[in-house]
């Protein structure tokens, strides 16, 4: 076998693709949990899983969610309504 005539290995995207990712969950900008989820998770499912986390529920403690911001493959930030009294 000659080094100069040997072919280079072929790149297979499927061999290096990640199957899971770590999704950071924040409540009002502070990290409250980290979830291991499938790499192809959709926005709705990511938000749902974030809101189901025990740490998130504990932080919400009856406060209303104004919105949940999803950054694909990175994080879900749950923003609560401010309470003024």
PDB file of N, CA and C in Angstrom:
ATOM      1  N   UNK A   1       0.839  -1.170   0.000  1.00  0.00           N
ATOM      2  CA  UNK A   1       0.000   0.000   0.000  1.00  0.00           C
ATOM      3  C   UNK A   1       0.888   1.239   0.000  1.00  0.00           C
ATOM      4  N   UNK A   2       0.654   2.106  -0.910  1.00  0.00           N
ATOM      5  CA  UNK A   2       1.477   3.285  -1.089  1.00  0.00           C
ATOM      6  C   UNK A   2       0.804   4.489  -0.435  1.00  0.00           C
ATOM      7  N   UNK A   3       1.528   5.235   0.351  1.00  0.00           N
ATOM      8  CA  UNK A   3       1.005   6.396   1.049  1.00  0.00           C
ATOM      9  C   UNK A   3       0.493   7.460   0.090  1.00  0.00           C
ATOM     10  N   UNK A   4       1.104   7.593  -1.029  1.00  0.00           N
ATOM     11  CA  UNK A   4       0.740   8.639  -1.978  1.00  0.00           C
ATOM     12  C   UNK A   4      -0.514   8.323  -2.788  1.00  0.00           C
ATOM     13  N   UNK A   5      -0.904   7.075  -2.860  1.00  0.00           N
ATOM     14  CA  UNK A   5      -2.092   6.717  -3.637  1.00  0.00           C
ATOM     15  C   UNK A   5      -3.282   6.326  -2.763  1.00  0.00           C
ATOM     16  N   UNK A   6      -3.083   6.320  -1.451  1.00  0.00           N
ATOM     17  CA  UNK A   6      -4.163   5.980  -0.525  1.00  0.00           C
ATOM     18  C   UNK A   6      -5.176   7.126  -0.472  1.00  0.00           C
ATOM     19  N   UNK A   7      -6.472   6.781  -0.485  1.00  0.00           N
ATOM     20  CA  UNK A   7      -7.532   7.797  -0.444  1.00  0.00           C
ATOM     21  C   UNK A   7      -7.764   8.271   0.982  1.00  0.00           C
ATOM     22  N   UNK A   8      -8.184   9.509   1.087  1.00  0.00           N
ATOM     23  CA  UNK A   8      -8.516  10.080   2.377  1.00  0.00           C
ATOM     24  C   UNK A   8      -9.841   9.502   2.871  1.00  0.00           C
ATOM     25  N   UNK A   9     -10.023   9.431   4.196  1.00  0.00           N
ATOM     26  CA  UNK A   9     -11.305   8.951   4.730  1.00  0.00           C
ATOM     27  C   UNK A   9     -12.442   9.892   4.308  1.00  0.00           C
ATOM     28  N   UNK A  10     -13.641   9.349   4.216  1.00  0.00           N
ATOM     29  CA  UNK A  10     -14.813  10.120   3.829  1.00  0.00           C
ATOM     30  C   UNK A  10     -15.517  10.620   5.088  1.00  0.00           C
ATOM     31  N   UNK A  11     -15.910  11.894   5.076  1.00  0.00           N
ATOM     32  CA  UNK A  11     -16.618  12.519   6.200  1.00  0.00           C
ATOM     33  C   UNK A  11     -18.063  12.080   6.202  1.00  0.00           C
ATOM     34  N   UNK A  12     -18.536  11.560   7.297  1.00  0.00           N
ATOM     35  CA  UNK A  12     -19.927  11.156   7.456  1.00  0.00           C
ATOM     36  C   UNK A  12     -20.559  12.021   8.538  1.00  0.00           C
ATOM     37  N   UNK A  13     -21.446  12.916   8.142  1.00  0.00           N
ATOM     38  CA  UNK A  13     -22.085  13.834   9.077  1.00  0.00           C
ATOM     39  C   UNK A  13     -22.832  13.091  10.190  1.00  0.00           C
ATOM     40  N   UNK A  14     -23.463  11.994   9.857  1.00  0.00           N
ATOM     41  CA  UNK A  14     -24.237  11.226  10.839  1.00  0.00           C
ATOM     42  C   UNK A  14     -23.350  10.668  11.952  1.00  0.00           C
ATOM     43  N   UNK A  15     -22.086  10.399  11.647  1.00  0.00           N
ATOM     44  CA  UNK A  15     -21.174   9.847  12.647  1.00  0.00           C
ATOM     45  C   UNK A  15     -20.768  10.862  13.701  1.00  0.00           C
ATOM     46  N   UNK A  16     -20.823  12.141  13.370  1.00  0.00           N
ATOM     47  CA  UNK A  16     -20.367  13.159  14.315  1.00  0.00           C
ATOM     48  C   UNK A  16     -21.509  14.010  14.878  1.00  0.00           C
ATOM     49  N   UNK A  17     -22.712  13.800  14.420  1.00  0.00           N
ATOM     50  CA  UNK A  17     -23.851  14.588  14.897  1.00  0.00           C
ATOM     51  C   UNK A  17     -24.173  14.219  16.342  1.00  0.00           C
ATOM     52  N   UNK A  18     -24.442  15.232  17.156  1.00  0.00           N
ATOM     53  CA  UNK A  18     -24.808  14.989  18.547  1.00  0.00           C
ATOM     54  C   UNK A  18     -26.253  14.532  18.626  1.00  0.00           C
ATOM     55  N   UNK A  19     -26.503  13.571  19.496  1.00  0.00           N
ATOM     56  CA  UNK A  19     -27.858  13.064  19.668  1.00  0.00           C
ATOM     57  C   UNK A  19     -28.609  13.839  20.734  1.00  0.00           C
ATOM     58  N   UNK A  20     -27.872  14.373  21.726  1.00  0.00           N
ATOM     59  CA  UNK A  20     -28.499  15.142  22.789  1.00  0.00           C
ATOM     60  C   UNK A  20     -27.716  16.433  23.011  1.00  0.00           C
ATOM     61  N   UNK A  21     -28.396  17.411  23.597  1.00  0.00           N
ATOM     62  CA  UNK A  21     -27.759  18.670  23.963  1.00  0.00           C
ATOM     63  C   UNK A  21     -28.162  19.024  25.393  1.00  0.00           C
ATOM     64  N   UNK A  22     -27.430  19.941  25.993  1.00  0.00           N
ATOM     65  CA  UNK A  22     -27.784  20.445  27.308  1.00  0.00           C
ATOM     66  C   UNK A  22     -28.452  21.797  27.114  1.00  0.00           C
ATOM     67  N   UNK A  23     -29.676  21.889  27.582  1.00  0.00           N
ATOM     68  CA  UNK A  23     -30.470  23.102  27.442  1.00  0.00           C
ATOM     69  C   UNK A  23     -30.517  23.800  28.798  1.00  0.00           C
ATOM     70  N   UNK A  24     -30.035  25.023  28.859  1.00  0.00           N
ATOM     71  CA  UNK A  24     -30.035  25.802  30.096  1.00  0.00           C
ATOM     72  C   UNK A  24     -31.417  26.417  30.274  1.00  0.00           C
ATOM     73  N   UNK A  25     -31.936  26.356  31.499  1.00  0.00           N
ATOM     74  CA  UNK A  25     -33.247  26.925  31.797  1.00  0.00           C
ATOM     75  C   UNK A  25     -33.053  28.059  32.799  1.00  0.00           C
ATOM     76  N   UNK A  26     -33.523  29.253  32.414  1.00  0.00           N
ATOM     77  CA  UNK A  26     -33.415  30.429  33.269  1.00  0.00           C
ATOM     78  C   UNK A  26     -34.802  30.923  33.650  1.00  0.00           C
ATOM     79  N   UNK A  27     -34.873  31.537  34.828  1.00  0.00           N
ATOM     80  CA  UNK A  27     -36.080  32.247  35.233  1.00  0.00           C
ATOM     81  C   UNK A  27     -35.632  33.678  35.511  1.00  0.00           C
ATOM     82  N   UNK A  28     -36.178  34.608  34.758  1.00  0.00           N
ATOM     83  CA  UNK A  28     -35.808  36.022  34.865  1.00  0.00           C
ATOM     84  C   UNK A  28     -34.296  36.231  34.769  1.00  0.00           C
ATOM     85  N   UNK A  29     -33.657  35.485  33.867  1.00  0.00           N
ATOM     86  CA  UNK A  29     -32.237  35.677  33.591  1.00  0.00           C
ATOM     87  C   UNK A  29     -31.279  34.930  34.498  1.00  0.00           C
ATOM     88  N   UNK A  30     -31.783  34.194  35.461  1.00  0.00           N
ATOM     89  CA  UNK A  30     -30.912  33.435  36.368  1.00  0.00           C
ATOM     90  C   UNK A  30     -31.055  31.944  36.097  1.00  0.00           C
ATOM     91  N   UNK A  31     -29.935  31.260  36.000  1.00  0.00           N
ATOM     92  CA  UNK A  31     -29.942  29.826  35.703  1.00  0.00           C
ATOM     93  C   UNK A  31     -30.595  29.074  36.849  1.00  0.00           C
ATOM     94  N   UNK A  32     -31.582  28.253  36.506  1.00  0.00           N
ATOM     95  CA  UNK A  32     -32.305  27.470  37.509  1.00  0.00           C
ATOM     96  C   UNK A  32     -32.185  25.977  37.283  1.00  0.00           C
ATOM     97  N   UNK A  33     -31.864  25.556  36.055  1.00  0.00           N
ATOM     98  CA  UNK A  33     -31.752  24.122  35.774  1.00  0.00           C
ATOM     99  C   UNK A  33     -31.046  23.919  34.445  1.00  0.00           C
ATOM    100  N   UNK A  34     -30.630  22.701  34.211  1.00  0.00           N
ATOM    101  CA  UNK A  34     -30.057  22.294  32.927  1.00  0.00           C
ATOM    102  C   UNK A  34     -30.705  20.970  32.559  1.00  0.00           C
ATOM    103  N   UNK A  35     -31.180  20.878  31.316  1.00  0.00           N
ATOM    104  CA  UNK A  35     -31.865  19.683  30.850  1.00  0.00           C
ATOM    105  C   UNK A  35     -31.078  19.031  29.721  1.00  0.00           C
ATOM    106  N   UNK A  36     -31.041  17.721  29.715  1.00  0.00           N
ATOM    107  CA  UNK A  36     -30.485  16.986  28.589  1.00  0.00           C
ATOM    108  C   UNK A  36     -31.658  16.588  27.714  1.00  0.00           C
ATOM    109  N   UNK A  37     -31.660  17.097  26.480  1.00  0.00           N
ATOM    110  CA  UNK A  37     -32.784  16.907  25.568  1.00  0.00           C
ATOM    111  C   UNK A  37     -32.274  16.444  24.211  1.00  0.00           C
ATOM    112  N   UNK A  38     -33.145  15.878  23.370  1.00  0.00           N
ATOM    113  CA  UNK A  38     -32.730  15.495  22.015  1.00  0.00           C
ATOM    114  C   UNK A  38     -32.263  16.725  21.235  1.00  0.00           C
ATOM    115  N   UNK A  39     -31.251  16.550  20.396  1.00  0.00           N
ATOM    116  CA  UNK A  39     -30.677  17.667  19.641  1.00  0.00           C
ATOM    117  C   UNK A  39     -31.696  18.342  18.732  1.00  0.00           C
ATOM    118  N   UNK A  40     -32.663  17.627  18.233  1.00  0.00           N
ATOM    119  CA  UNK A  40     -33.640  18.195  17.322  1.00  0.00           C
ATOM    120  C   UNK A  40     -34.915  18.672  17.993  1.00  0.00           C
ATOM    121  N   UNK A  41     -34.843  19.004  19.267  1.00  0.00           N
ATOM    122  CA  UNK A  41     -36.047  19.397  20.013  1.00  0.00           C
ATOM    123  C   UNK A  41     -36.650  20.671  19.406  1.00  0.00           C
ATOM    124  N   UNK A  42     -37.971  20.707  19.379  1.00  0.00           N
ATOM    125  CA  UNK A  42     -38.676  21.870  18.855  1.00  0.00           C
ATOM    126  C   UNK A  42     -38.894  22.921  19.928  1.00  0.00           C
ATOM    127  N   UNK A  43     -39.266  24.096  19.492  1.00  0.00           N
ATOM    128  CA  UNK A  43     -39.463  25.219  20.400  1.00  0.00           C
ATOM    129  C   UNK A  43     -40.555  24.955  21.434  1.00  0.00           C
ATOM    130  N   UNK A  44     -41.689  24.449  20.990  1.00  0.00           N
ATOM    131  CA  UNK A  44     -42.802  24.200  21.916  1.00  0.00           C
ATOM    132  C   UNK A  44     -42.443  23.161  22.962  1.00  0.00           C
ATOM    133  N   UNK A  45     -41.796  22.091  22.531  1.00  0.00           N
ATOM    134  CA  UNK A  45     -41.422  21.036  23.475  1.00  0.00           C
ATOM    135  C   UNK A  45     -40.358  21.524  24.451  1.00  0.00           C
ATOM    136  N   UNK A  46     -39.415  22.319  23.993  1.00  0.00           N
ATOM    137  CA  UNK A  46     -38.380  22.860  24.877  1.00  0.00           C
ATOM    138  C   UNK A  46     -39.001  23.742  25.950  1.00  0.00           C
ATOM    139  N   UNK A  47     -39.931  24.602  25.540  1.00  0.00           N
ATOM    140  CA  UNK A  47     -40.606  25.467  26.511  1.00  0.00           C
ATOM    141  C   UNK A  47     -41.412  24.656  27.516  1.00  0.00           C
ATOM    142  N   UNK A  48     -42.109  23.634  27.016  1.00  0.00           N
ATOM    143  CA  UNK A  48     -42.922  22.800  27.901  1.00  0.00           C
ATOM    144  C   UNK A  48     -42.042  22.091  28.927  1.00  0.00           C
ATOM    145  N   UNK A  49     -40.941  21.499  28.482  1.00  0.00           N
ATOM    146  CA  UNK A  49     -40.046  20.808  29.417  1.00  0.00           C
ATOM    147  C   UNK A  49     -39.451  21.761  30.435  1.00  0.00           C
ATOM    148  N   UNK A  50     -39.124  22.971  29.990  1.00  0.00           N
ATOM    149  CA  UNK A  50     -38.562  23.962  30.909  1.00  0.00           C
ATOM    150  C   UNK A  50     -39.572  24.317  31.997  1.00  0.00           C
ATOM    151  N   UNK A  51     -40.819  24.515  31.612  1.00  0.00           N
ATOM    152  CA  UNK A  51     -41.853  24.885  32.585  1.00  0.00           C
ATOM    153  C   UNK A  51     -42.224  23.738  33.519  1.00  0.00           C
ATOM    154  N   UNK A  52     -41.897  22.507  33.134  1.00  0.00           N
ATOM    155  CA  UNK A  52     -42.196  21.340  33.971  1.00  0.00           C
ATOM    156  C   UNK A  52     -41.097  21.046  34.996  1.00  0.00           C
ATOM    157  N   UNK A  53     -39.953  21.707  34.897  1.00  0.00           N
ATOM    158  CA  UNK A  53     -38.848  21.468  35.835  1.00  0.00           C
ATOM    159  C   UNK A  53     -39.252  21.864  37.250  1.00  0.00           C
ATOM    160  N   UNK A  54     -38.874  21.046  38.204  1.00  0.00           N
ATOM    161  CA  UNK A  54     -39.214  21.322  39.599  1.00  0.00           C
ATOM    162  C   UNK A  54     -38.606  22.645  40.068  1.00  0.00           C
ATOM    163  N   UNK A  55     -37.357  22.908  39.709  1.00  0.00           N
ATOM    164  CA  UNK A  55     -36.711  24.156  40.124  1.00  0.00           C
ATOM    165  C   UNK A  55     -37.408  25.372  39.533  1.00  0.00           C
ATOM    166  N   UNK A  56     -37.864  25.262  38.306  1.00  0.00           N
ATOM    167  CA  UNK A  56     -38.569  26.372  37.658  1.00  0.00           C
ATOM    168  C   UNK A  56     -39.912  26.599  38.334  1.00  0.00           C
ATOM    169  N   UNK A  57     -40.652  25.544  38.573  1.00  0.00           N
ATOM    170  CA  UNK A  57     -41.951  25.678  39.240  1.00  0.00           C
ATOM    171  C   UNK A  57     -41.802  26.310  40.614  1.00  0.00           C
ATOM    172  N   UNK A  58     -40.752  25.910  41.324  1.00  0.00           N
ATOM    173  CA  UNK A  58     -40.496  26.459  42.657  1.00  0.00           C
ATOM    174  C   UNK A  58     -40.192  27.968  42.560  1.00  0.00           C
ATOM    175  N   UNK A  59     -39.426  28.373  41.551  1.00  0.00           N
ATOM    176  CA  UNK A  59     -39.098  29.790  41.372  1.00  0.00           C
ATOM    177  C   UNK A  59     -40.315  30.612  40.944  1.00  0.00           C
ATOM    178  N   UNK A  60     -41.180  30.009  40.153  1.00  0.00           N
ATOM    179  CA  UNK A  60     -42.374  30.731  39.709  1.00  0.00           C
ATOM    180  C   UNK A  60     -43.326  30.968  40.868  1.00  0.00           C
ATOM    181  N   UNK A  61     -43.536  29.973  41.694  1.00  0.00           N
ATOM    182  CA  UNK A  61     -44.344  30.054  42.913  1.00  0.00           C
ATOM    183  C   UNK A  61     -45.575  30.946  42.752  1.00  0.00           C
ATOM    184  N   UNK A  62     -46.386  30.619  41.758  1.00  0.00           N
ATOM    185  CA  UNK A  62     -47.640  31.334  41.558  1.00  0.00           C
ATOM    186  C   UNK A  62     -47.531  32.576  40.691  1.00  0.00           C
ATOM    187  N   UNK A  63     -46.308  33.010  40.366  1.00  0.00           N
ATOM    188  CA  UNK A  63     -46.164  34.178  39.490  1.00  0.00           C
ATOM    189  C   UNK A  63     -46.557  33.794  38.069  1.00  0.00           C
ATOM    190  N   UNK A  64     -47.075  34.754  37.327  1.00  0.00           N
ATOM    191  CA  UNK A  64     -47.495  34.495  35.953  1.00  0.00           C
ATOM    192  C   UNK A  64     -46.314  34.626  35.003  1.00  0.00           C
ATOM    193  N   UNK A  65     -46.293  33.761  34.014  1.00  0.00           N
ATOM    194  CA  UNK A  65     -45.248  33.790  32.990  1.00  0.00           C
ATOM    195  C   UNK A  65     -45.658  34.786  31.916  1.00  0.00           C
ATOM    196  N   UNK A  66     -44.826  35.797  31.704  1.00  0.00           N
ATOM    197  CA  UNK A  66     -45.096  36.785  30.663  1.00  0.00           C
ATOM    198  C   UNK A  66     -44.736  36.221  29.303  1.00  0.00           C
ATOM    199  N   UNK A  67     -43.604  35.544  29.241  1.00  0.00           N
ATOM    200  CA  UNK A  67     -43.171  34.887  28.006  1.00  0.00           C
ATOM    201  C   UNK A  67     -42.028  33.935  28.315  1.00  0.00           C
ATOM    202  N   UNK A  68     -41.782  33.043  27.371  1.00  0.00           N
ATOM    203  CA  UNK A  68     -40.654  32.114  27.475  1.00  0.00           C
ATOM    204  C   UNK A  68     -39.846  32.262  26.186  1.00  0.00           C
ATOM    205  N   UNK A  69     -38.622  32.723  26.327  1.00  0.00           N
ATOM    206  CA  UNK A  69     -37.757  32.976  25.180  1.00  0.00           C
ATOM    207  C   UNK A  69     -36.916  31.736  24.933  1.00  0.00           C
ATOM    208  N   UNK A  70     -36.945  31.251  23.699  1.00  0.00           N
ATOM    209  CA  UNK A  70     -36.206  30.042  23.333  1.00  0.00           C
ATOM    210  C   UNK A  70     -35.080  30.406  22.377  1.00  0.00           C
ATOM    211  N   UNK A  71     -33.867  30.034  22.729  1.00  0.00           N
ATOM    212  CA  UNK A  71     -32.714  30.175  21.850  1.00  0.00           C
ATOM    213  C   UNK A  71     -32.351  28.750  21.429  1.00  0.00           C
ATOM    214  N   UNK A  72     -32.602  28.391  20.159  1.00  0.00           N
ATOM    215  CA  UNK A  72     -32.430  27.006  19.707  1.00  0.00           C
ATOM    216  C   UNK A  72     -31.062  26.410  20.068  1.00  0.00           C
ATOM    217  N   UNK A  73     -31.143  25.247  20.694  1.00  0.00           N
ATOM    218  CA  UNK A  73     -29.939  24.508  21.045  1.00  0.00           C
ATOM    219  C   UNK A  73     -29.168  25.051  22.226  1.00  0.00           C
ATOM    220  N   UNK A  74     -29.680  26.108  22.872  1.00  0.00           N
ATOM    221  CA  UNK A  74     -28.932  26.728  23.958  1.00  0.00           C
ATOM    222  C   UNK A  74     -29.725  26.889  25.257  1.00  0.00           C
ATOM    223  N   UNK A  75     -30.830  27.642  25.187  1.00  0.00           N
ATOM    224  CA  UNK A  75     -31.509  27.933  26.448  1.00  0.00           C
ATOM    225  C   UNK A  75     -32.981  28.281  26.266  1.00  0.00           C
ATOM    226  N   UNK A  76     -33.671  28.245  27.420  1.00  0.00           N
ATOM    227  CA  UNK A  76     -35.044  28.754  27.544  1.00  0.00           C
ATOM    228  C   UNK A  76     -35.022  29.712  28.722  1.00  0.00           C
ATOM    229  N   UNK A  77     -35.434  30.957  28.491  1.00  0.00           N
ATOM    230  CA  UNK A  77     -35.499  31.951  29.555  1.00  0.00           C
ATOM    231  C   UNK A  77     -36.965  32.269  29.818  1.00  0.00           C
ATOM    232  N   UNK A  78     -37.431  31.931  31.013  1.00  0.00           N
ATOM    233  CA  UNK A  78     -38.803  32.179  31.410  1.00  0.00           C
ATOM    234  C   UNK A  78     -38.845  33.550  32.086  1.00  0.00           C
ATOM    235  N   UNK A  79     -39.628  34.457  31.516  1.00  0.00           N
ATOM    236  CA  UNK A  79     -39.748  35.813  32.031  1.00  0.00           C
ATOM    237  C   UNK A  79     -41.104  35.940  32.714  1.00  0.00           C
ATOM    238  N   UNK A  80     -41.085  36.401  33.978  1.00  0.00           N
ATOM    239  CA  UNK A  80     -42.330  36.544  34.718  1.00  0.00           C
ATOM    240  C   UNK A  80     -42.808  37.991  34.677  1.00  0.00           C
ATOM    241  N   UNK A  81     -44.092  38.171  34.929  1.00  0.00           N
ATOM    242  CA  UNK A  81     -44.655  39.518  35.000  1.00  0.00           C
ATOM    243  C   UNK A  81     -44.173  40.181  36.270  1.00  0.00           C
ATOM    244  N   UNK A  82     -43.814  41.442  36.168  1.00  0.00           N
ATOM    245  CA  UNK A  82     -43.372  42.147  37.364  1.00  0.00           C
ATOM    246  C   UNK A  82     -44.594  42.503  38.207  1.00  0.00           C
ATOM    247  N   UNK A  83     -44.396  42.464  39.494  1.00  0.00           N
ATOM    248  CA  UNK A  83     -45.485  42.781  40.404  1.00  0.00           C
ATOM    249  C   UNK A  83     -45.157  44.103  41.070  1.00  0.00           C
ATOM    250  N   UNK A  84     -46.020  45.054  40.922  1.00  0.00           N
ATOM    251  CA  UNK A  84     -45.847  46.351  41.576  1.00  0.00           C
ATOM    252  C   UNK A  84     -46.980  46.532  42.573  1.00  0.00           C
ATOM    253  N   UNK A  85     -46.609  46.833  43.802  1.00  0.00           N
ATOM    254  CA  UNK A  85     -47.629  47.028  44.849  1.00  0.00           C
ATOM    255  C   UNK A  85     -47.463  48.342  45.519  1.00  0.00           C
TER     256      UNK A  85
END
